[in-house]
Protein backbone atom coordinates (compact mmCIF):
# COMPACT_ATOMS: atom_id res chain seq x y z
CA MET A 1 -16.74 5.22 -19.75
CA ASN A 2 -20.20 6.60 -19.08
CA THR A 3 -21.05 9.32 -16.56
CA ARG A 4 -22.03 6.77 -13.91
CA GLY A 5 -18.61 5.10 -14.20
CA ILE A 6 -16.83 8.44 -13.85
CA ASP A 7 -19.02 9.26 -10.85
CA ILE A 8 -18.02 5.99 -9.15
CA VAL A 9 -14.30 6.55 -9.81
CA ALA A 10 -14.59 10.12 -8.51
CA LEU A 11 -16.40 8.94 -5.39
CA ILE A 12 -13.74 6.29 -4.71
CA LEU A 13 -10.96 8.87 -5.08
CA VAL A 14 -12.77 11.31 -2.78
CA ILE A 15 -13.15 8.55 -0.18
CA VAL A 16 -9.43 7.71 -0.48
CA GLY A 17 -8.64 11.39 0.05
CA ALA A 18 -10.96 11.64 3.04
CA ILE A 19 -9.45 8.56 4.67
CA ASN A 20 -5.95 9.88 4.04
CA TRP A 21 -6.80 13.28 5.57
CA GLY A 22 -8.41 11.56 8.53
CA LEU A 23 -5.25 9.55 9.12
CA ILE A 24 -3.15 12.71 8.85
CA GLY A 25 -5.43 14.56 11.26
CA PHE A 26 -5.73 11.84 13.89
CA PHE A 27 -2.37 10.07 13.67
CA GLU A 28 -0.07 12.41 11.68
CA TRP A 29 0.40 9.57 9.18
CA ASP A 30 0.06 9.99 5.41
CA LEU A 31 -1.10 6.70 3.87
CA VAL A 32 -0.46 7.80 0.28
CA ALA A 33 3.10 8.87 1.11
CA ALA A 34 3.67 5.62 3.00
CA ILE A 35 2.52 3.53 0.04
CA PHE A 36 4.34 5.47 -2.65
CA GLY A 37 7.59 6.28 -0.87
CA GLY A 38 7.12 9.86 0.25
CA MET A 39 4.96 12.90 -0.16
CA TYR A 40 6.93 14.33 -3.08
CA THR A 41 7.35 11.25 -5.26
CA VAL A 42 5.79 11.36 -8.71
CA ALA A 43 3.32 8.59 -7.82
CA SER A 44 2.14 10.38 -4.66
CA ARG A 45 1.72 13.65 -6.49
CA ILE A 46 -0.34 11.92 -9.17
CA VAL A 47 -2.61 10.39 -6.51
CA TYR A 48 -2.97 13.75 -4.75
CA ALA A 49 -3.77 15.45 -8.08
CA LEU A 50 -6.36 12.81 -9.02
CA VAL A 51 -8.03 13.13 -5.61
CA GLY A 52 -8.16 16.91 -6.06
CA ILE A 53 -9.65 16.62 -9.55
CA ALA A 54 -12.18 14.09 -8.24
CA GLY A 55 -13.15 16.50 -5.47
CA ILE A 56 -13.72 19.30 -7.94
CA TYR A 57 -15.66 16.98 -10.26
CA SER A 58 -17.77 15.83 -7.31
CA LEU A 59 -19.11 19.36 -6.93
CA THR A 60 -21.26 18.56 -9.98
CA PHE A 61 -23.16 16.06 -7.81
CA PHE A 62 -24.86 18.96 -6.05
CA GLY A 63 -26.25 20.31 -9.30
CA ARG A 64 -27.50 16.90 -10.34
CA ILE A 65 -29.08 16.25 -6.95
CA ARG A 66 -30.76 19.64 -7.04
CA GLY A 67 -32.05 18.89 -10.54
CA GLU A 68 -33.67 15.68 -9.28
CA MET A 69 -35.68 17.45 -6.57
């Protein structure tokens, strides 16, 4: 997978995380936990971890944007 593909996957995961946090903030409802059977299931924890890694990876976007200016 090239860098562009990884960027797209990271962006999708960050969007999933943002939507999930929005739902938690506005409605006190965790979509990931609802889909995967609870906040502490292995599947939910994997999704949360992937979203966190994607968020950290997405910080590299700032450096690349700055390099383009």
